[in-house]
Structure formats: structure tokens, C-alpha cells
Amino acid sequence: MNDNSGQTFLSFLIGVILGGLVGAAVALLYAPQSGEETRAAIRDKSIELKEQAAEQATYLKEQAQQRIDALQQQVTDLQEKMQKQAPPPAAPPVAE
């Protein structure tokens, strides 16, 4: 997977979260409720969205760590391969 797809996914995720927040706020403001009920609904929704954001952050952190681990393993494998392919060091000349 290339870096661009990761950035695209992150942009999409941010758009979904922001869209959800705006949609929830508009729905709450136009709902036929009293001010107290609306504030309680906003508070409850904000708590729910905060928890969802924390879950997404944890998920993204785990995904990033998995990619880092995979890249580190690839570097280690490549280093080992290069060491195996390197010619043996030349013997020093013998002085007579």
C-alpha cells in the first residue's frame, strides 16, 4: 500500500467525522425540543462522538504501528540479504 492511500483514507475519515458532527448539530438544532432537552441531547451526542473518536484514534495508531513494524522487518530482511550477497573481505597482502 502506498503513502497516498493512507492519506486518502485519513482525509476520508476526517470528512466522515466532521460531516457527522455537523449533521448531528443541525438535526439537534432543528428538532422540536425544549432548550434543556436539546442541551442534554448535545451533551450525550458529544460524549458518544468523543468515544468514537478515541476508538478511531486507537485503531489508527495500531494500524500505523503495524505498518512501522512491517517496514522495520523489511529493512532487516534487506540488510541480511545484502550482507549475504556482499563479497567476502579481501585477505590482506602477505609481506615477504
PDB file of N, CA and C in Angstrom:
ATOM      1  N   MET A   1       0.853  -1.175   0.000  1.00  0.00           N
ATOM      2  CA  MET A   1       0.000   0.000   0.000  1.00  0.00           C
ATOM      3  C   MET A   1       0.895   1.233   0.000  1.00  0.00           C
ATOM      4  N   ASN A   2       0.572   2.223  -0.800  1.00  0.00           N
ATOM      5  CA  ASN A   2       1.421   3.400  -0.857  1.00  0.00           C
ATOM      6  C   ASN A   2       0.957   4.459   0.131  1.00  0.00           C
ATOM      7  N   ASP A   3       1.802   5.483   0.324  1.00  0.00           N
ATOM      8  CA  ASP A   3       1.504   6.534   1.296  1.00  0.00           C
ATOM      9  C   ASP A   3       0.266   7.321   0.916  1.00  0.00           C
ATOM     10  N   ASN A   4       0.001   7.489  -0.371  1.00  0.00           N
ATOM     11  CA  ASN A   4      -1.137   8.278  -0.828  1.00  0.00           C
ATOM     12  C   ASN A   4      -2.456   7.655  -0.386  1.00  0.00           C
ATOM     13  N   SER A   5      -2.558   6.331  -0.410  1.00  0.00           N
ATOM     14  CA  SER A   5      -3.811   5.700   0.005  1.00  0.00           C
ATOM     15  C   SER A   5      -4.050   5.897   1.497  1.00  0.00           C
ATOM     16  N   GLY A   6      -2.990   5.938   2.285  1.00  0.00           N
ATOM     17  CA  GLY A   6      -3.138   6.209   3.712  1.00  0.00           C
ATOM     18  C   GLY A   6      -3.629   7.614   3.960  1.00  0.00           C
ATOM     19  N   GLN A   7      -3.108   8.577   3.190  1.00  0.00           N
ATOM     20  CA  GLN A   7      -3.543   9.953   3.323  1.00  0.00           C
ATOM     21  C   GLN A   7      -4.989  10.105   2.850  1.00  0.00           C
ATOM     22  N   THR A   8      -5.338   9.389   1.795  1.00  0.00           N
ATOM     23  CA  THR A   8      -6.707   9.442   1.284  1.00  0.00           C
ATOM     24  C   THR A   8      -7.674   8.894   2.324  1.00  0.00           C
ATOM     25  N   PHE A   9      -7.313   7.787   2.943  1.00  0.00           N
ATOM     26  CA  PHE A   9      -8.173   7.197   3.965  1.00  0.00           C
ATOM     27  C   PHE A   9      -8.321   8.141   5.143  1.00  0.00           C
ATOM     28  N   LEU A  10      -7.215   8.756   5.571  1.00  0.00           N
ATOM     29  CA  LEU A  10      -7.269   9.671   6.700  1.00  0.00           C
ATOM     30  C   LEU A  10      -8.144  10.873   6.363  1.00  0.00           C
ATOM     31  N   SER A  11      -8.016  11.411   5.151  1.00  0.00           N
ATOM     32  CA  SER A  11      -8.859  12.533   4.732  1.00  0.00           C
ATOM     33  C   SER A  11     -10.328  12.131   4.724  1.00  0.00           C
ATOM     34  N   PHE A  12     -10.604  10.939   4.215  1.00  0.00           N
ATOM     35  CA  PHE A  12     -11.978  10.440   4.200  1.00  0.00           C
ATOM     36  C   PHE A  12     -12.514  10.316   5.625  1.00  0.00           C
ATOM     37  N   LEU A  13     -11.710   9.750   6.525  1.00  0.00           N
ATOM     38  CA  LEU A  13     -12.134   9.555   7.908  1.00  0.00           C
ATOM     39  C   LEU A  13     -12.428  10.890   8.582  1.00  0.00           C
ATOM     40  N   ILE A  14     -11.573  11.866   8.363  1.00  0.00           N
ATOM     41  CA  ILE A  14     -11.795  13.196   8.943  1.00  0.00           C
ATOM     42  C   ILE A  14     -13.076  13.799   8.383  1.00  0.00           C
ATOM     43  N   GLY A  15     -13.309  13.631   7.083  1.00  0.00           N
ATOM     44  CA  GLY A  15     -14.536  14.138   6.470  1.00  0.00           C
ATOM     45  C   GLY A  15     -15.777  13.491   7.050  1.00  0.00           C
ATOM     46  N   VAL A  16     -15.711  12.190   7.281  1.00  0.00           N
ATOM     47  CA  VAL A  16     -16.855  11.477   7.863  1.00  0.00           C
ATOM     48  C   VAL A  16     -17.146  11.989   9.271  1.00  0.00           C
ATOM     49  N   ILE A  17     -16.093  12.159  10.053  1.00  0.00           N
ATOM     50  CA  ILE A  17     -16.278  12.634  11.433  1.00  0.00           C
ATOM     51  C   ILE A  17     -16.851  14.046  11.443  1.00  0.00           C
ATOM     52  N   LEU A  18     -16.269  14.942  10.642  1.00  0.00           N
ATOM     53  CA  LEU A  18     -16.771  16.312  10.604  1.00  0.00           C
ATOM     54  C   LEU A  18     -18.192  16.371  10.053  1.00  0.00           C
ATOM     55  N   GLY A  19     -18.467  15.584   9.041  1.00  0.00           N
ATOM     56  CA  GLY A  19     -19.819  15.539   8.496  1.00  0.00           C
ATOM     57  C   GLY A  19     -20.826  15.038   9.521  1.00  0.00           C
ATOM     58  N   GLY A  20     -20.424  14.045  10.279  1.00  0.00           N
ATOM     59  CA  GLY A  20     -21.298  13.529  11.328  1.00  0.00           C
ATOM     60  C   GLY A  20     -21.572  14.568  12.399  1.00  0.00           C
ATOM     61  N   LEU A  21     -20.531  15.314  12.777  1.00  0.00           N
ATOM     62  CA  LEU A  21     -20.709  16.357  13.794  1.00  0.00           C
ATOM     63  C   LEU A  21     -21.655  17.449  13.306  1.00  0.00           C
ATOM     64  N   VAL A  22     -21.435  17.913  12.089  1.00  0.00           N
ATOM     65  CA  VAL A  22     -22.289  18.964  11.540  1.00  0.00           C
ATOM     66  C   VAL A  22     -23.724  18.458  11.393  1.00  0.00           C
ATOM     67  N   GLY A  23     -23.887  17.260  10.869  1.00  0.00           N
ATOM     68  CA  GLY A  23     -25.226  16.699  10.705  1.00  0.00           C
ATOM     69  C   GLY A  23     -25.949  16.537  12.031  1.00  0.00           C
ATOM     70  N   ALA A  24     -25.231  16.069  13.038  1.00  0.00           N
ATOM     71  CA  ALA A  24     -25.839  15.890  14.364  1.00  0.00           C
ATOM     72  C   ALA A  24     -26.247  17.238  14.951  1.00  0.00           C
ATOM     73  N   ALA A  25     -25.380  18.234  14.799  1.00  0.00           N
ATOM     74  CA  ALA A  25     -25.693  19.559  15.349  1.00  0.00           C
ATOM     75  C   ALA A  25     -26.924  20.158  14.671  1.00  0.00           C
ATOM     76  N   VAL A  26     -26.985  20.049  13.350  1.00  0.00           N
ATOM     77  CA  VAL A  26     -28.135  20.593  12.611  1.00  0.00           C
ATOM     78  C   VAL A  26     -29.411  19.860  13.012  1.00  0.00           C
ATOM     79  N   ALA A  27     -29.336  18.548  13.104  1.00  0.00           N
ATOM     80  CA  ALA A  27     -30.521  17.769  13.479  1.00  0.00           C
ATOM     81  C   ALA A  27     -31.009  18.148  14.874  1.00  0.00           C
ATOM     82  N   LEU A  28     -30.086  18.352  15.784  1.00  0.00           N
ATOM     83  CA  LEU A  28     -30.482  18.709  17.149  1.00  0.00           C
ATOM     84  C   LEU A  28     -31.068  20.118  17.221  1.00  0.00           C
ATOM     85  N   LEU A  29     -30.496  21.024  16.457  1.00  0.00           N
ATOM     86  CA  LEU A  29     -30.985  22.405  16.497  1.00  0.00           C
ATOM     87  C   LEU A  29     -32.367  22.557  15.869  1.00  0.00           C
ATOM     88  N   TYR A  30     -32.693  21.728  14.896  1.00  0.00           N
ATOM     89  CA  TYR A  30     -33.988  21.828  14.227  1.00  0.00           C
ATOM     90  C   TYR A  30     -35.033  20.875  14.789  1.00  0.00           C
ATOM     91  N   ALA A  31     -34.657  20.080  15.746  1.00  0.00           N
ATOM     92  CA  ALA A  31     -35.609  19.142  16.348  1.00  0.00           C
ATOM     93  C   ALA A  31     -36.561  19.917  17.266  1.00  0.00           C
ATOM     94  N   PRO A  32     -37.831  19.533  17.282  1.00  0.00           N
ATOM     95  CA  PRO A  32     -38.801  20.235  18.142  1.00  0.00           C
ATOM     96  C   PRO A  32     -38.662  19.781  19.605  1.00  0.00           C
ATOM     97  N   GLN A  33     -37.725  20.386  20.312  1.00  0.00           N
ATOM     98  CA  GLN A  33     -37.486  20.053  21.721  1.00  0.00           C
ATOM     99  C   GLN A  33     -37.293  21.350  22.500  1.00  0.00           C
ATOM    100  N   SER A  34     -37.346  21.213  23.804  1.00  0.00           N
ATOM    101  CA  SER A  34     -37.049  22.375  24.642  1.00  0.00           C
ATOM    102  C   SER A  34     -35.536  22.590  24.658  1.00  0.00           C
ATOM    103  N   GLY A  35     -35.119  23.758  25.105  1.00  0.00           N
ATOM    104  CA  GLY A  35     -33.693  24.074  25.184  1.00  0.00           C
ATOM    105  C   GLY A  35     -32.939  23.103  26.073  1.00  0.00           C
ATOM    106  N   GLU A  36     -33.554  22.737  27.192  1.00  0.00           N
ATOM    107  CA  GLU A  36     -32.897  21.806  28.132  1.00  0.00           C
ATOM    108  C   GLU A  36     -32.724  20.431  27.494  1.00  0.00           C
ATOM    109  N   GLU A  37     -33.748  19.964  26.802  1.00  0.00           N
ATOM    110  CA  GLU A  37     -33.653  18.657  26.133  1.00  0.00           C
ATOM    111  C   GLU A  37     -32.587  18.689  25.033  1.00  0.00           C
ATOM    112  N   THR A  38     -32.537  19.805  24.319  1.00  0.00           N
ATOM    113  CA  THR A  38     -31.547  19.938  23.240  1.00  0.00           C
ATOM    114  C   THR A  38     -30.135  19.932  23.815  1.00  0.00           C
ATOM    115  N   ARG A  39     -29.919  20.672  24.907  1.00  0.00           N
ATOM    116  CA  ARG A  39     -28.594  20.690  25.533  1.00  0.00           C
ATOM    117  C   ARG A  39     -28.207  19.310  26.035  1.00  0.00           C
ATOM    118  N   ALA A  40     -29.156  18.588  26.595  1.00  0.00           N
ATOM    119  CA  ALA A  40     -28.869  17.225  27.080  1.00  0.00           C
ATOM    120  C   ALA A  40     -28.534  16.310  25.900  1.00  0.00           C
ATOM    121  N   ALA A  41     -29.267  16.461  24.805  1.00  0.00           N
ATOM    122  CA  ALA A  41     -29.002  15.632  23.627  1.00  0.00           C
ATOM    123  C   ALA A  41     -27.625  15.961  23.041  1.00  0.00           C
ATOM    124  N   ILE A  42     -27.278  17.253  23.005  1.00  0.00           N
ATOM    125  CA  ILE A  42     -25.959  17.658  22.502  1.00  0.00           C
ATOM    126  C   ILE A  42     -24.863  17.093  23.398  1.00  0.00           C
ATOM    127  N   ARG A  43     -25.063  17.179  24.704  1.00  0.00           N
ATOM    128  CA  ARG A  43     -24.076  16.651  25.649  1.00  0.00           C
ATOM    129  C   ARG A  43     -23.893  15.142  25.447  1.00  0.00           C
ATOM    130  N   ASP A  44     -25.006  14.421  25.337  1.00  0.00           N
ATOM    131  CA  ASP A  44     -24.929  12.969  25.142  1.00  0.00           C
ATOM    132  C   ASP A  44     -24.252  12.612  23.823  1.00  0.00           C
ATOM    133  N   LYS A  45     -24.614  13.353  22.780  1.00  0.00           N
ATOM    134  CA  LYS A  45     -24.027  13.081  21.470  1.00  0.00           C
ATOM    135  C   LYS A  45     -22.541  13.409  21.461  1.00  0.00           C
ATOM    136  N   SER A  46     -22.161  14.489  22.147  1.00  0.00           N
ATOM    137  CA  SER A  46     -20.747  14.853  22.183  1.00  0.00           C
ATOM    138  C   SER A  46     -19.932  13.798  22.925  1.00  0.00           C
ATOM    139  N   ILE A  47     -20.488  13.230  23.967  1.00  0.00           N
ATOM    140  CA  ILE A  47     -19.809  12.148  24.690  1.00  0.00           C
ATOM    141  C   ILE A  47     -19.652  10.934  23.784  1.00  0.00           C
ATOM    142  N   GLU A  48     -20.708  10.606  23.050  1.00  0.00           N
ATOM    143  CA  GLU A  48     -20.661   9.467  22.126  1.00  0.00           C
ATOM    144  C   GLU A  48     -19.618   9.698  21.037  1.00  0.00           C
ATOM    145  N   LEU A  49     -19.603  10.908  20.463  1.00  0.00           N
ATOM    146  CA  LEU A  49     -18.645  11.211  19.405  1.00  0.00           C
ATOM    147  C   LEU A  49     -17.214  11.216  19.939  1.00  0.00           C
ATOM    148  N   LYS A  50     -17.029  11.680  21.162  1.00  0.00           N
ATOM    149  CA  LYS A  50     -15.695  11.666  21.775  1.00  0.00           C
ATOM    150  C   LYS A  50     -15.199  10.232  21.921  1.00  0.00           C
ATOM    151  N   GLU A  51     -16.075   9.338  22.348  1.00  0.00           N
ATOM    152  CA  GLU A  51     -15.701   7.929  22.491  1.00  0.00           C
ATOM    153  C   GLU A  51     -15.376   7.310  21.126  1.00  0.00           C
ATOM    154  N   GLN A  52     -16.174   7.653  20.108  1.00  0.00           N
ATOM    155  CA  GLN A  52     -15.907   7.126  18.766  1.00  0.00           C
ATOM    156  C   GLN A  52     -14.571   7.642  18.238  1.00  0.00           C
ATOM    157  N   ALA A  53     -14.286   8.909  18.486  1.00  0.00           N
ATOM    158  CA  ALA A  53     -13.019   9.491  18.039  1.00  0.00           C
ATOM    159  C   ALA A  53     -11.842   8.809  18.741  1.00  0.00           C
ATOM    160  N   ALA A  54     -11.997   8.520  20.029  1.00  0.00           N
ATOM    161  CA  ALA A  54     -10.933   7.837  20.771  1.00  0.00           C
ATOM    162  C   ALA A  54     -10.710   6.431  20.216  1.00  0.00           C
ATOM    163  N   GLU A  55     -11.803   5.739  19.884  1.00  0.00           N
ATOM    164  CA  GLU A  55     -11.679   4.397  19.298  1.00  0.00           C
ATOM    165  C   GLU A  55     -10.974   4.460  17.946  1.00  0.00           C
ATOM    166  N   GLN A  56     -11.338   5.440  17.123  1.00  0.00           N
ATOM    167  CA  GLN A  56     -10.709   5.589  15.808  1.00  0.00           C
ATOM    168  C   GLN A  56      -9.232   5.933  15.956  1.00  0.00           C
ATOM    169  N   ALA A  57      -8.909   6.784  16.914  1.00  0.00           N
ATOM    170  CA  ALA A  57      -7.511   7.152  17.141  1.00  0.00           C
ATOM    171  C   ALA A  57      -6.703   5.924  17.549  1.00  0.00           C
ATOM    172  N   THR A  58      -7.275   5.103  18.422  1.00  0.00           N
ATOM    173  CA  THR A  58      -6.597   3.874  18.837  1.00  0.00           C
ATOM    174  C   THR A  58      -6.409   2.945  17.647  1.00  0.00           C
ATOM    175  N   TYR A  59      -7.436   2.807  16.833  1.00  0.00           N
ATOM    176  CA  TYR A  59      -7.354   1.950  15.653  1.00  0.00           C
ATOM    177  C   TYR A  59      -6.268   2.445  14.695  1.00  0.00           C
ATOM    178  N   LEU A  60      -6.266   3.747  14.426  1.00  0.00           N
ATOM    179  CA  LEU A  60      -5.280   4.308  13.506  1.00  0.00           C
ATOM    180  C   LEU A  60      -3.861   4.172  14.061  1.00  0.00           C
ATOM    181  N   LYS A  61      -3.725   4.322  15.360  1.00  0.00           N
ATOM    182  CA  LYS A  61      -2.411   4.159  15.990  1.00  0.00           C
ATOM    183  C   LYS A  61      -1.926   2.715  15.827  1.00  0.00           C
ATOM    184  N   GLU A  62      -2.821   1.755  16.026  1.00  0.00           N
ATOM    185  CA  GLU A  62      -2.460   0.352  15.851  1.00  0.00           C
ATOM    186  C   GLU A  62      -2.083   0.056  14.400  1.00  0.00           C
ATOM    187  N   GLN A  63      -2.839   0.621  13.449  1.00  0.00           N
ATOM    188  CA  GLN A  63      -2.542   0.411  12.033  1.00  0.00           C
ATOM    189  C   GLN A  63      -1.174   1.002  11.684  1.00  0.00           C
ATOM    190  N   ALA A  64      -0.894   2.185  12.194  1.00  0.00           N
ATOM    191  CA  ALA A  64       0.395   2.823  11.928  1.00  0.00           C
ATOM    192  C   ALA A  64       1.526   1.988  12.514  1.00  0.00           C
ATOM    193  N   GLN A  65       1.339   1.468  13.721  1.00  0.00           N
ATOM    194  CA  GLN A  65       2.376   0.651  14.351  1.00  0.00           C
ATOM    195  C   GLN A  65       2.608  -0.635  13.569  1.00  0.00           C
ATOM    196  N   GLN A  66       1.547  -1.230  13.056  1.00  0.00           N
ATOM    197  CA  GLN A  66       1.703  -2.434  12.242  1.00  0.00           C
ATOM    198  C   GLN A  66       2.502  -2.134  10.982  1.00  0.00           C
ATOM    199  N   ARG A  67       2.241  -0.997  10.361  1.00  0.00           N
ATOM    200  CA  ARG A  67       2.990  -0.621   9.153  1.00  0.00           C
ATOM    201  C   ARG A  67       4.451  -0.358   9.486  1.00  0.00           C
ATOM    202  N   ILE A  68       4.694   0.302  10.606  1.00  0.00           N
ATOM    203  CA  ILE A  68       6.072   0.563  11.025  1.00  0.00           C
ATOM    204  C   ILE A  68       6.799  -0.751  11.272  1.00  0.00           C
ATOM    205  N   ASP A  69       6.150  -1.669  11.976  1.00  0.00           N
ATOM    206  CA  ASP A  69       6.764  -2.969  12.251  1.00  0.00           C
ATOM    207  C   ASP A  69       7.073  -3.721  10.963  1.00  0.00           C
ATOM    208  N   ALA A  70       6.145  -3.680  10.014  1.00  0.00           N
ATOM    209  CA  ALA A  70       6.359  -4.374   8.740  1.00  0.00           C
ATOM    210  C   ALA A  70       7.529  -3.755   7.983  1.00  0.00           C
ATOM    211  N   LEU A  71       7.610  -2.433   7.976  1.00  0.00           N
ATOM    212  CA  LEU A  71       8.719  -1.768   7.294  1.00  0.00           C
ATOM    213  C   LEU A  71      10.046  -2.063   7.974  1.00  0.00           C
ATOM    214  N   GLN A  72      10.057  -2.099   9.301  1.00  0.00           N
ATOM    215  CA  GLN A  72      11.289  -2.429  10.019  1.00  0.00           C
ATOM    216  C   GLN A  72      11.734  -3.848   9.686  1.00  0.00           C
ATOM    217  N   GLN A  73      10.797  -4.761   9.575  1.00  0.00           N
ATOM    218  CA  GLN A  73      11.135  -6.139   9.223  1.00  0.00           C
ATOM    219  C   GLN A  73      11.688  -6.203   7.804  1.00  0.00           C
ATOM    220  N   GLN A  74      11.096  -5.451   6.897  1.00  0.00           N
ATOM    221  CA  GLN A  74      11.594  -5.424   5.519  1.00  0.00           C
ATOM    222  C   GLN A  74      13.016  -4.883   5.467  1.00  0.00           C
ATOM    223  N   VAL A  75      13.306  -3.851   6.247  1.00  0.00           N
ATOM    224  CA  VAL A  75      14.655  -3.286   6.282  1.00  0.00           C
ATOM    225  C   VAL A  75      15.628  -4.317   6.830  1.00  0.00           C
ATOM    226  N   THR A  76      15.256  -4.994   7.899  1.00  0.00           N
ATOM    227  CA  THR A  76      16.116  -6.025   8.483  1.00  0.00           C
ATOM    228  C   THR A  76      16.369  -7.138   7.477  1.00  0.00           C
ATOM    229  N   ASP A  77      15.334  -7.596   6.808  1.00  0.00           N
ATOM    230  CA  ASP A  77      15.489  -8.657   5.808  1.00  0.00           C
ATOM    231  C   ASP A  77      16.403  -8.208   4.670  1.00  0.00           C
ATOM    232  N   LEU A  78      16.224  -6.978   4.237  1.00  0.00           N
ATOM    233  CA  LEU A  78      17.053  -6.448   3.155  1.00  0.00           C
ATOM    234  C   LEU A  78      18.515  -6.337   3.585  1.00  0.00           C
ATOM    235  N   GLN A  79      18.751  -5.902   4.815  1.00  0.00           N
ATOM    236  CA  GLN A  79      20.120  -5.815   5.320  1.00  0.00           C
ATOM    237  C   GLN A  79      20.774  -7.192   5.357  1.00  0.00           C
ATOM    238  N   GLU A  80      20.029  -8.184   5.838  1.00  0.00           N
ATOM    239  CA  GLU A  80      20.566  -9.545   5.886  1.00  0.00           C
ATOM    240  C   GLU A  80      20.866 -10.063   4.484  1.00  0.00           C
ATOM    241  N   LYS A  81      19.982  -9.783   3.545  1.00  0.00           N
ATOM    242  CA  LYS A  81      20.183 -10.224   2.168  1.00  0.00           C
ATOM    243  C   LYS A  81      21.422  -9.563   1.572  1.00  0.00           C
ATOM    244  N   MET A  82      21.592  -8.279   1.810  1.00  0.00           N
ATOM    245  CA  MET A  82      22.749  -7.560   1.286  1.00  0.00           C
ATOM    246  C   MET A  82      24.044  -8.097   1.896  1.00  0.00           C
ATOM    247  N   GLN A  83      24.028  -8.458   3.173  1.00  0.00           N
ATOM    248  CA  GLN A  83      25.224  -8.996   3.815  1.00  0.00           C
ATOM    249  C   GLN A  83      25.582 -10.356   3.232  1.00  0.00           C
ATOM    250  N   LYS A  84      24.589 -11.151   2.893  1.00  0.00           N
ATOM    251  CA  LYS A  84      24.844 -12.467   2.313  1.00  0.00           C
ATOM    252  C   LYS A  84      25.392 -12.337   0.892  1.00  0.00           C
ATOM    253  N   GLN A  85      24.971 -11.318   0.162  1.00  0.00           N
ATOM    254  CA  GLN A  85      25.398 -11.141  -1.215  1.00  0.00           C
ATOM    255  C   GLN A  85      26.735 -10.415  -1.320  1.00  0.00           C
ATOM    256  N   ALA A  86      27.167  -9.743  -0.273  1.00  0.00           N
ATOM    257  CA  ALA A  86      28.413  -8.986  -0.318  1.00  0.00           C
ATOM    258  C   ALA A  86      29.584  -9.948  -0.456  1.00  0.00           C
ATOM    259  N   PRO A  87      30.561  -9.596  -1.268  1.00  0.00           N
ATOM    260  CA  PRO A  87      31.722 -10.474  -1.403  1.00  0.00           C
ATOM    261  C   PRO A  87      32.510 -10.505  -0.104  1.00  0.00           C
ATOM    262  N   PRO A  88      33.193 -11.626   0.164  1.00  0.00           N
ATOM    263  CA  PRO A  88      33.961 -11.686   1.414  1.00  0.00           C
ATOM    264  C   PRO A  88      35.099 -10.671   1.352  1.00  0.00           C
ATOM    265  N   PRO A  89      35.505 -10.171   2.507  1.00  0.00           N
ATOM    266  CA  PRO A  89      36.581  -9.175   2.501  1.00  0.00           C
ATOM    267  C   PRO A  89      37.873  -9.802   1.954  1.00  0.00           C
ATOM    268  N   ALA A  90      38.624  -9.008   1.214  1.00  0.00           N
ATOM    269  CA  ALA A  90      39.873  -9.486   0.626  1.00  0.00           C
ATOM    270  C   ALA A  90      40.902  -9.714   1.728  1.00  0.00           C
ATOM    271  N   ALA A  91      41.714 -10.761   1.555  1.00  0.00           N
ATOM    272  CA  ALA A  91      42.762 -11.051   2.527  1.00  0.00           C
ATOM    273  C   ALA A  91      43.859 -10.004   2.389  1.00  0.00           C
ATOM    274  N   PRO A  92      44.429  -9.590   3.501  1.00  0.00           N
ATOM    275  CA  PRO A  92      45.499  -8.597   3.421  1.00  0.00           C
ATOM    276  C   PRO A  92      46.719  -9.198   2.719  1.00  0.00           C
ATOM    277  N   PRO A  93      47.468  -8.385   2.019  1.00  0.00           N
ATOM    278  CA  PRO A  93      48.635  -8.918   1.321  1.00  0.00           C
ATOM    279  C   PRO A  93      49.662  -9.453   2.319  1.00  0.00           C
ATOM    280  N   VAL A  94      50.312 -10.514   1.918  1.00  0.00           N
ATOM    281  CA  VAL A  94      51.303 -11.142   2.781  1.00  0.00           C
ATOM    282  C   VAL A  94      52.673 -10.499   2.475  1.00  0.00           C
ATOM    283  N   ALA A  95      53.330 -10.028   3.512  1.00  0.00           N
ATOM    284  CA  ALA A  95      54.648  -9.413   3.332  1.00  0.00           C
ATOM    285  C   ALA A  95      55.686 -10.509   3.354  1.00  0.00           C
ATOM    286  N   GLU A  96      56.640 -10.466   2.403  1.00  0.00           N
ATOM    287  CA  GLU A  96      57.678 -11.499   2.339  1.00  0.00           C
ATOM    288  C   GLU A  96      58.978 -10.992   2.810  1.00  0.00           C
TER     289      GLU A  96
END
